[in-house]
Amino acid sequence: MQPELNNLNPETITYSKVKSFFKLTKFTLSALVVFSAIITFFTVAETFNWKQVFAICVGGFLITASANGFNQIIEKELDKLMNRTRLRPLPTGNLSNFEAYIFCGISGIIGTILLWVYTNPLSGIIGFLSIILYALVYTPLKRVTPFSVFVGAFPGALPTLIGAVAATNDFGHITFFAVLLFLIQFFWQFPHFWAIAWVSHDDYQRAGFFMLPSKGGRDKSSRSQILVYTMSLFPIALAPYFFSYTGWISATIVGSMGFVFLYQAYNLYKSGTIEDARKLMYGSFIYLPVVQIALMTRL
């Protein structure tokens, strides 16, 4: 329900708006995306300056916030149907569509410019492309087909590519190492998002979202695909070692994390319980940053 703004003093109104814009950015998610981009930057960069770091941190955050905001504008009415999203700023009326559009547009433009000017044009282009893919392709597909998660994995993994490309020359180029880092985050997203979708399946059904890989929902086909994609991630995450980008210490950490992650996916495959899906979900939050930090050390 929209607050009675006429009964509030200006300071309270301002605080409420700022808090709502903050929520619109999905700060924690945006911060994780920036972490992924900056870790990848330091993994690839041989030399760097703090303007580049600033551009990736601030520009990357603004681009991600823009994509998240546009997603919420498009799904405003659907968010009202789900317990996990009904208190977001747009469904509650704390922000209007116009306010959200202005905020997301300005954030996306500034973020793109920062990456373009202070890193290189290619990283700015990739950043802008991630907004388009996430908001205009992935978001509407969520109510059409489970294939939407595959589509959404591209903008979800592009931050690694932004970080890697930002570390290259003035015009930017994509190295094979950058592709490997992109693929690790790309394949990680499937067990990560499907674990979340398994836990929140009933909520997603209320909005008509197809987030699990099978239209049958929590069925054996979904369990099998979660396990297969987690198995696929294992050799991909070790590829930097096999191509001599990292050493055996990094490979040991990455391999150990892979075994734990795979074990959690196997448990979900066997049981199909929400409890095991939740363990896989929490495991995914630990897996990616640990693997990325291990790769950054190159030990």
C-alpha atoms as a PDB file:
ATOM      1  CA  MET A   1       0.000   0.000   0.000  1.00  0.00           C
ATOM      2  CA  GLN A   2       1.327   3.432  -0.920  1.00  0.00           C
ATOM      3  CA  PRO A   3       2.251   5.508   2.152  1.00  0.00           C
ATOM      4  CA  GLU A   4       0.255   8.663   2.931  1.00  0.00           C
ATOM      5  CA  LEU A   5       2.989  11.088   1.943  1.00  0.00           C
ATOM      6  CA  ASN A   6       0.943  14.133   2.907  1.00  0.00           C
ATOM      7  CA  ASN A   7       1.160  13.058   6.554  1.00  0.00           C
ATOM      8  CA  LEU A   8       4.946  12.729   6.479  1.00  0.00           C
ATOM      9  CA  ASN A   9       7.560  15.454   6.914  1.00  0.00           C
ATOM     10  CA  PRO A  10      10.004  16.152   4.036  1.00  0.00           C
ATOM     11  CA  GLU A  11      12.876  14.354   5.781  1.00  0.00           C
ATOM     12  CA  THR A  12      10.810  11.198   6.157  1.00  0.00           C
ATOM     13  CA  ILE A  13       9.666  11.356   2.546  1.00  0.00           C
ATOM     14  CA  THR A  14      13.250  11.819   1.325  1.00  0.00           C
ATOM     15  CA  TYR A  15      14.496   8.924   3.460  1.00  0.00           C
ATOM     16  CA  SER A  16      11.684   6.707   2.179  1.00  0.00           C
ATOM     17  CA  LYS A  17      12.529   7.522  -1.447  1.00  0.00           C
ATOM     18  CA  VAL A  18      16.262   6.948  -0.971  1.00  0.00           C
ATOM     19  CA  LYS A  19      15.570   3.642   0.746  1.00  0.00           C
ATOM     20  CA  SER A  20      13.266   2.617  -2.107  1.00  0.00           C
ATOM     21  CA  PHE A  21      15.843   3.481  -4.782  1.00  0.00           C
ATOM     22  CA  PHE A  22      18.392   1.497  -2.767  1.00  0.00           C
ATOM     23  CA  LYS A  23      16.070  -1.525  -2.786  1.00  0.00           C
ATOM     24  CA  LEU A  24      15.471  -1.085  -6.512  1.00  0.00           C
ATOM     25  CA  THR A  25      19.189  -1.674  -7.144  1.00  0.00           C
ATOM     26  CA  LYS A  26      19.100  -5.086  -5.388  1.00  0.00           C
ATOM     27  CA  PHE A  27      22.255  -3.932  -3.647  1.00  0.00           C
ATOM     28  CA  THR A  28      23.530  -7.324  -2.465  1.00  0.00           C
ATOM     29  CA  LEU A  29      23.120  -8.901  -5.898  1.00  0.00           C
ATOM     30  CA  SER A  30      24.691  -5.887  -7.618  1.00  0.00           C
ATOM     31  CA  ALA A  31      27.611  -5.961  -5.186  1.00  0.00           C
ATOM     32  CA  LEU A  32      28.200  -9.661  -5.927  1.00  0.00           C
ATOM     33  CA  VAL A  33      28.238  -8.869  -9.643  1.00  0.00           C
ATOM     34  CA  VAL A  34      30.802  -6.104  -9.088  1.00  0.00           C
ATOM     35  CA  PHE A  35      32.879  -8.493  -6.983  1.00  0.00           C
ATOM     36  CA  SER A  36      32.893 -10.968  -9.865  1.00  0.00           C
ATOM     37  CA  ALA A  37      33.962  -8.287 -12.354  1.00  0.00           C
ATOM     38  CA  ILE A  38      36.717  -6.795 -10.198  1.00  0.00           C
ATOM     39  CA  ILE A  39      38.140 -10.191  -9.203  1.00  0.00           C
ATOM     40  CA  THR A  40      38.295 -11.143 -12.880  1.00  0.00           C
ATOM     41  CA  PHE A  41      39.953  -7.807 -13.668  1.00  0.00           C
ATOM     42  CA  PHE A  42      42.705  -8.431 -11.119  1.00  0.00           C
ATOM     43  CA  THR A  43      43.048 -12.013 -12.385  1.00  0.00           C
ATOM     44  CA  VAL A  44      43.776 -10.856 -15.946  1.00  0.00           C
ATOM     45  CA  ALA A  45      45.417  -7.430 -15.480  1.00  0.00           C
ATOM     46  CA  GLU A  46      49.203  -7.218 -15.586  1.00  0.00           C
ATOM     47  CA  THR A  47      49.116  -3.512 -14.748  1.00  0.00           C
ATOM     48  CA  PHE A  48      46.231  -1.267 -13.759  1.00  0.00           C
ATOM     49  CA  ASN A  49      45.327   2.162 -12.439  1.00  0.00           C
ATOM     50  CA  TRP A  50      42.739   3.129  -9.865  1.00  0.00           C
ATOM     51  CA  LYS A  51      40.560   4.893 -12.435  1.00  0.00           C
ATOM     52  CA  GLN A  52      39.963   1.496 -14.021  1.00  0.00           C
ATOM     53  CA  VAL A  53      39.124  -0.047 -10.646  1.00  0.00           C
ATOM     54  CA  PHE A  54      36.741   2.832  -9.886  1.00  0.00           C
ATOM     55  CA  ALA A  55      35.044   2.486 -13.276  1.00  0.00           C
ATOM     56  CA  ILE A  56      34.529  -1.249 -12.862  1.00  0.00           C
ATOM     57  CA  CYS A  57      33.218  -0.937  -9.300  1.00  0.00           C
ATOM     58  CA  VAL A  58      30.938   2.069  -9.781  1.00  0.00           C
ATOM     59  CA  GLY A  59      30.145   1.587 -13.471  1.00  0.00           C
ATOM     60  CA  GLY A  60      29.528  -2.123 -13.019  1.00  0.00           C
ATOM     61  CA  PHE A  61      27.251  -1.478 -10.046  1.00  0.00           C
ATOM     62  CA  LEU A  62      25.212   1.149 -11.919  1.00  0.00           C
ATOM     63  CA  ILE A  63      24.794  -1.107 -14.956  1.00  0.00           C
ATOM     64  CA  THR A  64      23.653  -4.003 -12.795  1.00  0.00           C
ATOM     65  CA  ALA A  65      21.330  -1.743 -10.801  1.00  0.00           C
ATOM     66  CA  SER A  66      19.851  -0.468 -14.065  1.00  0.00           C
ATOM     67  CA  ALA A  67      19.173  -3.999 -15.338  1.00  0.00           C
ATOM     68  CA  ASN A  68      17.653  -5.044 -11.996  1.00  0.00           C
ATOM     69  CA  GLY A  69      15.457  -1.950 -11.934  1.00  0.00           C
ATOM     70  CA  PHE A  70      14.141  -2.394 -15.470  1.00  0.00           C
ATOM     71  CA  ASN A  71      13.375  -6.014 -14.588  1.00  0.00           C
ATOM     72  CA  GLN A  72      11.254  -4.846 -11.639  1.00  0.00           C
ATOM     73  CA  ILE A  73       9.429  -2.265 -13.757  1.00  0.00           C
ATOM     74  CA  ILE A  74       8.471  -4.922 -16.298  1.00  0.00           C
ATOM     75  CA  GLU A  75       7.430  -7.413 -13.606  1.00  0.00           C
ATOM     76  CA  LYS A  76       5.685  -4.945 -11.293  1.00  0.00           C
ATOM     77  CA  GLU A  77       2.271  -6.612 -11.456  1.00  0.00           C
ATOM     78  CA  LEU A  78       3.760 -10.109 -11.240  1.00  0.00           C
ATOM     79  CA  ASP A  79       5.828  -9.149  -8.204  1.00  0.00           C
ATOM     80  CA  LYS A  80       2.599  -8.419  -6.361  1.00  0.00           C
ATOM     81  CA  LEU A  81       1.678 -12.107  -6.667  1.00  0.00           C
ATOM     82  CA  MET A  82       4.792 -13.515  -4.985  1.00  0.00           C
ATOM     83  CA  ASN A  83       5.620 -13.434  -1.294  1.00  0.00           C
ATOM     84  CA  ARG A  84       9.321 -12.876  -1.967  1.00  0.00           C
ATOM     85  CA  THR A  85       8.743  -9.762  -4.118  1.00  0.00           C
ATOM     86  CA  ARG A  86       5.430  -8.188  -3.048  1.00  0.00           C
ATOM     87  CA  LEU A  87       7.170  -5.665  -0.766  1.00  0.00           C
ATOM     88  CA  ARG A  88       9.479  -4.284  -3.447  1.00  0.00           C
ATOM     89  CA  PRO A  89       9.289  -0.503  -4.042  1.00  0.00           C
ATOM     90  CA  LEU A  90       7.137  -0.678  -7.186  1.00  0.00           C
ATOM     91  CA  PRO A  91       4.444  -3.154  -6.024  1.00  0.00           C
ATOM     92  CA  THR A  92       4.049  -1.193  -2.771  1.00  0.00           C
ATOM     93  CA  GLY A  93       3.805   2.139  -4.595  1.00  0.00           C
ATOM     94  CA  ASN A  94       6.817   3.628  -2.817  1.00  0.00           C
ATOM     95  CA  LEU A  95       8.220   4.401  -6.260  1.00  0.00           C
ATOM     96  CA  SER A  96       6.326   5.227  -9.427  1.00  0.00           C
ATOM     97  CA  ASN A  97       7.165   3.695 -12.798  1.00  0.00           C
ATOM     98  CA  PHE A  98       8.359   7.126 -13.979  1.00  0.00           C
ATOM     99  CA  GLU A  99      10.761   7.512 -11.055  1.00  0.00           C
ATOM    100  CA  ALA A 100      12.105   4.019 -11.613  1.00  0.00           C
ATOM    101  CA  TYR A 101      12.543   4.574 -15.379  1.00  0.00           C
ATOM    102  CA  ILE A 102      14.505   7.800 -14.791  1.00  0.00           C
ATOM    103  CA  PHE A 103      16.697   6.172 -12.159  1.00  0.00           C
ATOM    104  CA  CYS A 104      17.415   3.072 -14.274  1.00  0.00           C
ATOM    105  CA  GLY A 105      18.043   5.080 -17.436  1.00  0.00           C
ATOM    106  CA  ILE A 106      20.496   7.470 -15.778  1.00  0.00           C
ATOM    107  CA  SER A 107      22.252   4.609 -13.964  1.00  0.00           C
ATOM    108  CA  GLY A 108      22.665   2.618 -17.173  1.00  0.00           C
ATOM    109  CA  ILE A 109      24.003   5.596 -19.131  1.00  0.00           C
ATOM    110  CA  ILE A 110      26.478   6.699 -16.447  1.00  0.00           C
ATOM    111  CA  GLY A 111      27.661   3.133 -15.877  1.00  0.00           C
ATOM    112  CA  THR A 112      28.259   2.584 -19.594  1.00  0.00           C
ATOM    113  CA  ILE A 113      30.132   5.893 -19.937  1.00  0.00           C
ATOM    114  CA  LEU A 114      32.381   5.120 -16.954  1.00  0.00           C
ATOM    115  CA  LEU A 115      33.389   1.765 -18.415  1.00  0.00           C
ATOM    116  CA  TRP A 116      33.811   3.204 -21.926  1.00  0.00           C
ATOM    117  CA  VAL A 117      35.951   6.178 -20.866  1.00  0.00           C
ATOM    118  CA  TYR A 118      38.055   4.789 -18.016  1.00  0.00           C
ATOM    119  CA  THR A 119      38.613   1.200 -19.201  1.00  0.00           C
ATOM    120  CA  ASN A 120      37.893   0.771 -22.918  1.00  0.00           C
ATOM    121  CA  PRO A 121      34.950   0.989 -25.362  1.00  0.00           C
ATOM    122  CA  LEU A 122      34.439  -2.777 -25.618  1.00  0.00           C
ATOM    123  CA  SER A 123      33.812  -3.182 -21.887  1.00  0.00           C
ATOM    124  CA  GLY A 124      31.276  -0.333 -22.082  1.00  0.00           C
ATOM    125  CA  ILE A 125      29.520  -2.006 -25.003  1.00  0.00           C
ATOM    126  CA  ILE A 126      29.390  -5.346 -23.168  1.00  0.00           C
ATOM    127  CA  GLY A 127      27.991  -3.593 -20.096  1.00  0.00           C
ATOM    128  CA  PHE A 128      25.226  -1.936 -22.108  1.00  0.00           C
ATOM    129  CA  LEU A 129      24.487  -5.218 -23.899  1.00  0.00           C
ATOM    130  CA  SER A 130      24.011  -6.952 -20.546  1.00  0.00           C
ATOM    131  CA  ILE A 131      21.216  -4.485 -19.674  1.00  0.00           C
ATOM    132  CA  ILE A 132      19.436  -5.187 -22.973  1.00  0.00           C
ATOM    133  CA  LEU A 133      19.751  -8.972 -22.658  1.00  0.00           C
ATOM    134  CA  TYR A 134      18.610  -9.059 -19.047  1.00  0.00           C
ATOM    135  CA  ALA A 135      15.708  -6.614 -19.260  1.00  0.00           C
ATOM    136  CA  LEU A 136      14.369  -7.118 -22.781  1.00  0.00           C
ATOM    137  CA  VAL A 137      15.171 -10.760 -23.540  1.00  0.00           C
ATOM    138  CA  TYR A 138      15.538 -12.764 -20.327  1.00  0.00           C
ATOM    139  CA  THR A 139      12.780 -11.030 -18.334  1.00  0.00           C
ATOM    140  CA  PRO A 140       9.866 -11.630 -20.757  1.00  0.00           C
ATOM    141  CA  LEU A 141      11.047 -15.188 -21.508  1.00  0.00           C
ATOM    142  CA  LYS A 142      10.626 -16.234 -17.856  1.00  0.00           C
ATOM    143  CA  ARG A 143       6.872 -16.674 -18.395  1.00  0.00           C
ATOM    144  CA  VAL A 144       7.290 -18.444 -21.729  1.00  0.00           C
ATOM    145  CA  THR A 145       9.901 -21.177 -21.391  1.00  0.00           C
ATOM    146  CA  PRO A 146      12.415 -22.750 -18.970  1.00  0.00           C
ATOM    147  CA  PHE A 147      14.988 -21.886 -21.669  1.00  0.00           C
ATOM    148  CA  SER A 148      14.929 -18.374 -20.162  1.00  0.00           C
ATOM    149  CA  VAL A 149      17.514 -19.445 -17.576  1.00  0.00           C
ATOM    150  CA  PHE A 150      19.927 -20.342 -20.380  1.00  0.00           C
ATOM    151  CA  VAL A 151      19.356 -16.928 -21.959  1.00  0.00           C
ATOM    152  CA  GLY A 152      19.702 -15.190 -18.597  1.00  0.00           C
ATOM    153  CA  ALA A 153      23.017 -16.934 -17.955  1.00  0.00           C
ATOM    154  CA  PHE A 154      24.631 -14.767 -20.654  1.00  0.00           C
ATOM    155  CA  PRO A 155      24.071 -11.365 -18.997  1.00  0.00           C
ATOM    156  CA  GLY A 156      24.713 -13.098 -15.682  1.00  0.00           C
ATOM    157  CA  ALA A 157      28.216 -14.111 -16.798  1.00  0.00           C
ATOM    158  CA  LEU A 158      29.067 -10.950 -18.759  1.00  0.00           C
ATOM    159  CA  PRO A 159      30.503  -9.173 -15.662  1.00  0.00           C
ATOM    160  CA  THR A 160      33.485 -11.555 -15.832  1.00  0.00           C
ATOM    161  CA  LEU A 161      33.948 -10.599 -19.475  1.00  0.00           C
ATOM    162  CA  ILE A 162      33.700  -6.899 -18.602  1.00  0.00           C
ATOM    163  CA  GLY A 163      36.388  -7.300 -15.958  1.00  0.00           C
ATOM    164  CA  ALA A 164      38.662  -9.285 -18.253  1.00  0.00           C
ATOM    165  CA  VAL A 165      38.216  -6.976 -21.241  1.00  0.00           C
ATOM    166  CA  ALA A 166      38.766  -3.900 -19.050  1.00  0.00           C
ATOM    167  CA  ALA A 167      42.220  -5.264 -18.252  1.00  0.00           C
ATOM    168  CA  THR A 168      43.289  -5.357 -21.910  1.00  0.00           C
ATOM    169  CA  ASN A 169      44.372  -2.600 -24.306  1.00  0.00           C
ATOM    170  CA  ASP A 170      42.788   0.762 -25.103  1.00  0.00           C
ATOM    171  CA  PHE A 171      40.224  -0.723 -27.491  1.00  0.00           C
ATOM    172  CA  GLY A 172      39.654  -3.939 -25.555  1.00  0.00           C
ATOM    173  CA  HIS A 173      39.869  -7.524 -26.712  1.00  0.00           C
ATOM    174  CA  ILE A 174      38.679 -10.918 -25.477  1.00  0.00           C
ATOM    175  CA  THR A 175      41.410 -13.403 -24.551  1.00  0.00           C
ATOM    176  CA  PHE A 176      40.994 -17.173 -24.247  1.00  0.00           C
ATOM    177  CA  PHE A 177      41.530 -16.880 -20.480  1.00  0.00           C
ATOM    178  CA  ALA A 178      38.638 -14.395 -20.380  1.00  0.00           C
ATOM    179  CA  VAL A 179      36.446 -16.904 -22.215  1.00  0.00           C
ATOM    180  CA  LEU A 180      37.285 -19.592 -19.643  1.00  0.00           C
ATOM    181  CA  LEU A 181      36.408 -17.251 -16.755  1.00  0.00           C
ATOM    182  CA  PHE A 182      33.159 -16.376 -18.520  1.00  0.00           C
ATOM    183  CA  LEU A 183      32.285 -20.064 -18.982  1.00  0.00           C
ATOM    184  CA  ILE A 184      32.894 -20.841 -15.312  1.00  0.00           C
ATOM    185  CA  GLN A 185      30.382 -18.220 -14.206  1.00  0.00           C
ATOM    186  CA  PHE A 186      28.033 -19.152 -17.065  1.00  0.00           C
ATOM    187  CA  PHE A 187      27.759 -22.824 -16.062  1.00  0.00           C
ATOM    188  CA  TRP A 188      27.739 -22.037 -12.330  1.00  0.00           C
ATOM    189  CA  GLN A 189      24.478 -20.159 -12.776  1.00  0.00           C
ATOM    190  CA  PHE A 190      22.466 -23.254 -13.692  1.00  0.00           C
ATOM    191  CA  PRO A 191      22.769 -25.148 -10.384  1.00  0.00           C
ATOM    192  CA  HIS A 192      22.690 -21.807  -8.563  1.00  0.00           C
ATOM    193  CA  PHE A 193      19.440 -20.504 -10.069  1.00  0.00           C
ATOM    194  CA  TRP A 194      17.774 -23.892 -10.297  1.00  0.00           C
ATOM    195  CA  ALA A 195      18.439 -24.486  -6.605  1.00  0.00           C
ATOM    196  CA  ILE A 196      16.778 -21.142  -5.857  1.00  0.00           C
ATOM    197  CA  ALA A 197      13.921 -22.039  -8.218  1.00  0.00           C
ATOM    198  CA  TRP A 198      13.486 -25.400  -6.485  1.00  0.00           C
ATOM    199  CA  VAL A 199      13.159 -23.715  -3.091  1.00  0.00           C
ATOM    200  CA  SER A 200      10.845 -20.964  -4.418  1.00  0.00           C
ATOM    201  CA  HIS A 201       8.951 -23.033  -6.995  1.00  0.00           C
ATOM    202  CA  ASP A 202       5.506 -22.483  -5.458  1.00  0.00           C
ATOM    203  CA  ASP A 203       6.060 -18.735  -5.379  1.00  0.00           C
ATOM    204  CA  TYR A 204       7.226 -18.669  -8.995  1.00  0.00           C
ATOM    205  CA  GLN A 205       4.167 -20.675 -10.063  1.00  0.00           C
ATOM    206  CA  ARG A 206       1.877 -17.966  -8.702  1.00  0.00           C
ATOM    207  CA  ALA A 207       3.414 -15.530 -11.181  1.00  0.00           C
ATOM    208  CA  GLY A 208       3.536 -18.064 -14.027  1.00  0.00           C
ATOM    209  CA  PHE A 209       7.339 -18.228 -14.194  1.00  0.00           C
ATOM    210  CA  PHE A 210       9.119 -21.260 -15.660  1.00  0.00           C
ATOM    211  CA  MET A 211      12.378 -21.233 -13.699  1.00  0.00           C
ATOM    212  CA  LEU A 212      13.135 -24.945 -13.309  1.00  0.00           C
ATOM    213  CA  PRO A 213      14.572 -26.762 -16.375  1.00  0.00           C
ATOM    214  CA  SER A 214      11.505 -28.979 -16.756  1.00  0.00           C
ATOM    215  CA  LYS A 215       7.963 -27.691 -17.155  1.00  0.00           C
ATOM    216  CA  GLY A 216       7.055 -30.457 -14.739  1.00  0.00           C
ATOM    217  CA  GLY A 217       8.652 -28.402 -11.985  1.00  0.00           C
ATOM    218  CA  ARG A 218      10.218 -30.380  -9.149  1.00  0.00           C
ATOM    219  CA  ASP A 219      10.491 -33.603 -11.156  1.00  0.00           C
ATOM    220  CA  LYS A 220      13.260 -36.084 -11.957  1.00  0.00           C
ATOM    221  CA  SER A 221      14.082 -34.328 -15.230  1.00  0.00           C
ATOM    222  CA  SER A 222      14.868 -31.108 -13.351  1.00  0.00           C
ATOM    223  CA  ARG A 223      16.987 -32.999 -10.823  1.00  0.00           C
ATOM    224  CA  SER A 224      18.920 -34.718 -13.603  1.00  0.00           C
ATOM    225  CA  GLN A 225      19.661 -31.483 -15.431  1.00  0.00           C
ATOM    226  CA  ILE A 226      20.862 -29.788 -12.241  1.00  0.00           C
ATOM    227  CA  LEU A 227      23.282 -32.662 -11.697  1.00  0.00           C
ATOM    228  CA  VAL A 228      24.484 -32.698 -15.320  1.00  0.00           C
ATOM    229  CA  TYR A 229      25.223 -28.966 -15.401  1.00  0.00           C
ATOM    230  CA  THR A 230      27.044 -29.182 -12.060  1.00  0.00           C
ATOM    231  CA  MET A 231      29.127 -32.044 -13.459  1.00  0.00           C
ATOM    232  CA  SER A 232      29.877 -29.940 -16.564  1.00  0.00           C
ATOM    233  CA  LEU A 233      31.124 -27.101 -14.373  1.00  0.00           C
ATOM    234  CA  PHE A 234      33.789 -29.315 -12.773  1.00  0.00           C
ATOM    235  CA  PRO A 235      36.173 -29.687 -15.773  1.00  0.00           C
ATOM    236  CA  ILE A 236      35.459 -26.162 -17.009  1.00  0.00           C
ATOM    237  CA  ALA A 237      36.557 -24.696 -13.663  1.00  0.00           C
ATOM    238  CA  LEU A 238      39.812 -26.674 -13.883  1.00  0.00           C
ATOM    239  CA  ALA A 239      40.490 -25.608 -17.483  1.00  0.00           C
ATOM    240  CA  PRO A 240      42.621 -22.566 -16.465  1.00  0.00           C
ATOM    241  CA  TYR A 241      45.038 -25.016 -14.808  1.00  0.00           C
ATOM    242  CA  PHE A 242      45.170 -27.359 -17.806  1.00  0.00           C
ATOM    243  CA  PHE A 243      45.920 -24.400 -20.078  1.00  0.00           C
ATOM    244  CA  SER A 244      48.677 -23.234 -17.683  1.00  0.00           C
ATOM    245  CA  TYR A 245      46.980 -20.024 -16.548  1.00  0.00           C
ATOM    246  CA  THR A 246      47.062 -21.109 -12.894  1.00  0.00           C
ATOM    247  CA  GLY A 247      49.117 -23.427 -10.688  1.00  0.00           C
ATOM    248  CA  TRP A 248      48.414 -26.591  -8.723  1.00  0.00           C
ATOM    249  CA  ILE A 249      47.404 -24.810  -5.500  1.00  0.00           C
ATOM    250  CA  SER A 250      44.597 -22.957  -7.298  1.00  0.00           C
ATOM    251  CA  ALA A 251      43.610 -26.185  -9.047  1.00  0.00           C
ATOM    252  CA  THR A 252      43.448 -28.039  -5.713  1.00  0.00           C
ATOM    253  CA  ILE A 253      41.141 -25.418  -4.214  1.00  0.00           C
ATOM    254  CA  VAL A 254      38.964 -25.288  -7.339  1.00  0.00           C
ATOM    255  CA  GLY A 255      38.787 -29.087  -7.533  1.00  0.00           C
ATOM    256  CA  SER A 256      37.908 -29.421  -3.854  1.00  0.00           C
ATOM    257  CA  MET A 257      35.127 -26.855  -4.168  1.00  0.00           C
ATOM    258  CA  GLY A 258      33.904 -28.665  -7.260  1.00  0.00           C
ATOM    259  CA  PHE A 259      33.664 -31.991  -5.414  1.00  0.00           C
ATOM    260  CA  VAL A 260      31.669 -30.397  -2.579  1.00  0.00           C
ATOM    261  CA  PHE A 261      29.352 -28.622  -5.026  1.00  0.00           C
ATOM    262  CA  LEU A 262      28.863 -31.803  -7.019  1.00  0.00           C
ATOM    263  CA  TYR A 263      28.110 -33.758  -3.844  1.00  0.00           C
ATOM    264  CA  GLN A 264      25.393 -31.266  -2.935  1.00  0.00           C
ATOM    265  CA  ALA A 265      23.882 -31.526  -6.430  1.00  0.00           C
ATOM    266  CA  TYR A 266      23.957 -35.334  -6.187  1.00  0.00           C
ATOM    267  CA  ASN A 267      22.136 -35.211  -2.852  1.00  0.00           C
ATOM    268  CA  LEU A 268      19.406 -33.091  -4.446  1.00  0.00           C
ATOM    269  CA  TYR A 269      19.240 -35.545  -7.353  1.00  0.00           C
ATOM    270  CA  LYS A 270      18.698 -38.433  -4.927  1.00  0.00           C
ATOM    271  CA  SER A 271      16.247 -36.782  -2.532  1.00  0.00           C
ATOM    272  CA  GLY A 272      14.488 -34.010  -4.429  1.00  0.00           C
ATOM    273  CA  THR A 273      13.867 -32.235  -1.119  1.00  0.00           C
ATOM    274  CA  ILE A 274      13.693 -28.490  -0.564  1.00  0.00           C
ATOM    275  CA  GLU A 275      16.240 -28.917   2.245  1.00  0.00           C
ATOM    276  CA  ASP A 276      18.877 -30.332  -0.135  1.00  0.00           C
ATOM    277  CA  ALA A 277      18.038 -27.663  -2.720  1.00  0.00           C
ATOM    278  CA  ARG A 278      18.619 -25.008  -0.063  1.00  0.00           C
ATOM    279  CA  LYS A 279      22.005 -26.568   0.794  1.00  0.00           C
ATOM    280  CA  LEU A 280      22.962 -26.466  -2.889  1.00  0.00           C
ATOM    281  CA  MET A 281      21.820 -22.838  -3.076  1.00  0.00           C
ATOM    282  CA  TYR A 282      23.956 -21.815  -0.087  1.00  0.00           C
ATOM    283  CA  GLY A 283      26.825 -23.895  -1.452  1.00  0.00           C
ATOM    284  CA  SER A 284      26.665 -21.971  -4.714  1.00  0.00           C
ATOM    285  CA  PHE A 285      27.100 -18.677  -2.854  1.00  0.00           C
ATOM    286  CA  ILE A 286      30.335 -19.996  -1.376  1.00  0.00           C
ATOM    287  CA  TYR A 287      31.595 -21.840  -4.453  1.00  0.00           C
ATOM    288  CA  LEU A 288      31.899 -18.969  -6.922  1.00  0.00           C
ATOM    289  CA  PRO A 289      33.822 -16.361  -4.870  1.00  0.00           C
ATOM    290  CA  VAL A 290      36.206 -19.013  -3.488  1.00  0.00           C
ATOM    291  CA  VAL A 291      36.927 -20.348  -6.983  1.00  0.00           C
ATOM    292  CA  GLN A 292      37.378 -16.854  -8.422  1.00  0.00           C
ATOM    293  CA  ILE A 293      39.757 -15.812  -5.644  1.00  0.00           C
ATOM    294  CA  ALA A 294      41.730 -19.050  -6.113  1.00  0.00           C
ATOM    295  CA  LEU A 295      42.029 -18.329  -9.834  1.00  0.00           C
ATOM    296  CA  MET A 296      43.069 -14.741  -9.131  1.00  0.00           C
ATOM    297  CA  THR A 297      46.071 -15.911  -7.094  1.00  0.00           C
ATOM    298  CA  ARG A 298      47.250 -18.087 -10.032  1.00  0.00           C
ATOM    299  CA  LEU A 299      49.256 -20.157  -7.505  1.00  0.00           C
END
